[in-house]
Amino acid sequence: METESLPPTVGTLLVDTGRANRVGEFRGVAGLHWSLRPMGGGIEWEVEPRHVRPALPIEQLRARTARANARSRGEVL
């Protein structure tokens, strides 16, 4: 994504290329950074928009499956 582009919609799954391709949900803008959080909840982190790309369909599926598994174990609501 280009840094000049508008931020994505809240909840969009993105990949943080600066953190080993960690997948996170877009939560909002924090100054010059974007806030992401793990799909199943957890601590948000900030990333420069230039280190973010849209999640591929397989990455989205993996993140959703991980969240569903965590939910079935009672780890998230």
Protein backbone atom coordinates (compact mmCIF):
# COMPACT_ATOMS: atom_id res chain seq x y z
CA MET A 1 0.00 0.00 0.00
CA GLU A 2 1.16 3.52 -0.61
CA THR A 3 1.53 5.84 2.34
CA GLU A 4 -0.56 8.47 0.52
CA SER A 5 -3.51 6.09 0.22
CA LEU A 6 -6.50 6.36 2.48
CA PRO A 7 -6.58 3.98 5.44
CA PRO A 8 -8.60 0.80 4.95
CA THR A 9 -11.94 0.12 6.57
CA VAL A 10 -11.81 -0.88 10.25
CA GLY A 11 -11.64 -4.68 10.44
CA THR A 12 -9.76 -5.14 7.16
CA LEU A 13 -7.14 -7.86 7.44
CA LEU A 14 -3.64 -6.63 6.68
CA VAL A 15 -0.16 -8.11 6.77
CA ASP A 16 2.62 -6.33 8.66
CA THR A 17 5.66 -7.08 6.51
CA GLY A 18 7.99 -5.64 9.14
CA ARG A 19 6.93 -8.25 11.72
CA ALA A 20 7.35 -11.57 9.93
CA ASN A 21 4.15 -11.11 7.90
CA ARG A 22 1.97 -10.95 11.00
CA VAL A 23 -1.73 -10.67 10.10
CA GLY A 24 -3.82 -8.12 11.94
CA GLU A 25 -7.12 -6.29 11.74
CA PHE A 26 -6.94 -2.61 10.94
CA ARG A 27 -8.21 -0.65 13.97
CA GLY A 28 -7.47 2.96 13.10
CA VAL A 29 -4.91 5.69 12.59
CA ALA A 30 -2.54 6.74 15.37
CA GLY A 31 -0.60 9.75 14.15
CA LEU A 32 1.60 8.59 11.30
CA HIS A 33 1.01 4.92 12.10
CA TRP A 34 -1.82 2.47 11.64
CA SER A 35 -3.04 0.37 14.55
CA LEU A 36 -3.48 -3.35 14.00
CA ARG A 37 -4.52 -6.09 16.41
CA PRO A 38 -4.57 -9.86 16.21
CA MET A 39 -7.71 -11.26 14.60
CA GLY A 40 -8.74 -13.06 17.78
CA GLY A 41 -8.19 -10.00 19.93
CA GLY A 42 -5.20 -9.04 21.95
CA ILE A 43 -2.76 -6.20 22.19
CA GLU A 44 -2.74 -3.72 19.34
CA TRP A 45 0.48 -2.69 17.69
CA GLU A 46 1.40 0.21 15.46
CA VAL A 47 2.93 -0.02 12.02
CA GLU A 48 4.00 2.42 9.35
CA PRO A 49 1.58 2.17 6.41
CA ARG A 50 4.50 1.45 4.05
CA HIS A 51 5.06 -1.86 5.89
CA VAL A 52 1.49 -3.05 5.36
CA ARG A 53 -0.15 -4.92 2.52
CA PRO A 54 -3.59 -6.46 2.09
CA ALA A 55 -3.84 -10.03 3.35
CA LEU A 56 -4.04 -12.66 0.62
CA PRO A 57 -7.14 -14.89 0.65
CA ILE A 58 -5.15 -17.80 2.14
CA GLU A 59 -3.79 -15.52 4.89
CA GLN A 60 -7.32 -14.32 5.65
CA LEU A 61 -8.52 -17.93 5.84
CA ARG A 62 -5.69 -18.88 8.21
CA ALA A 63 -6.42 -15.92 10.48
CA ARG A 64 -10.15 -16.66 10.56
CA THR A 65 -9.52 -20.35 11.24
CA ALA A 66 -7.12 -19.52 14.08
CA ARG A 67 -9.76 -17.22 15.59
CA ALA A 68 -12.47 -19.87 15.28
CA ASN A 69 -10.21 -22.44 16.95
CA ALA A 70 -9.36 -20.06 19.79
CA ARG A 71 -13.05 -19.30 20.23
CA SER A 72 -13.92 -23.00 20.40
CA ARG A 73 -11.30 -23.39 23.16
CA GLY A 74 -12.89 -20.50 25.07
CA GLU A 75 -9.86 -18.25 24.64
CA VAL A 76 -11.82 -15.43 22.92
CA LEU A 77 -15.44 -14.41 22.71
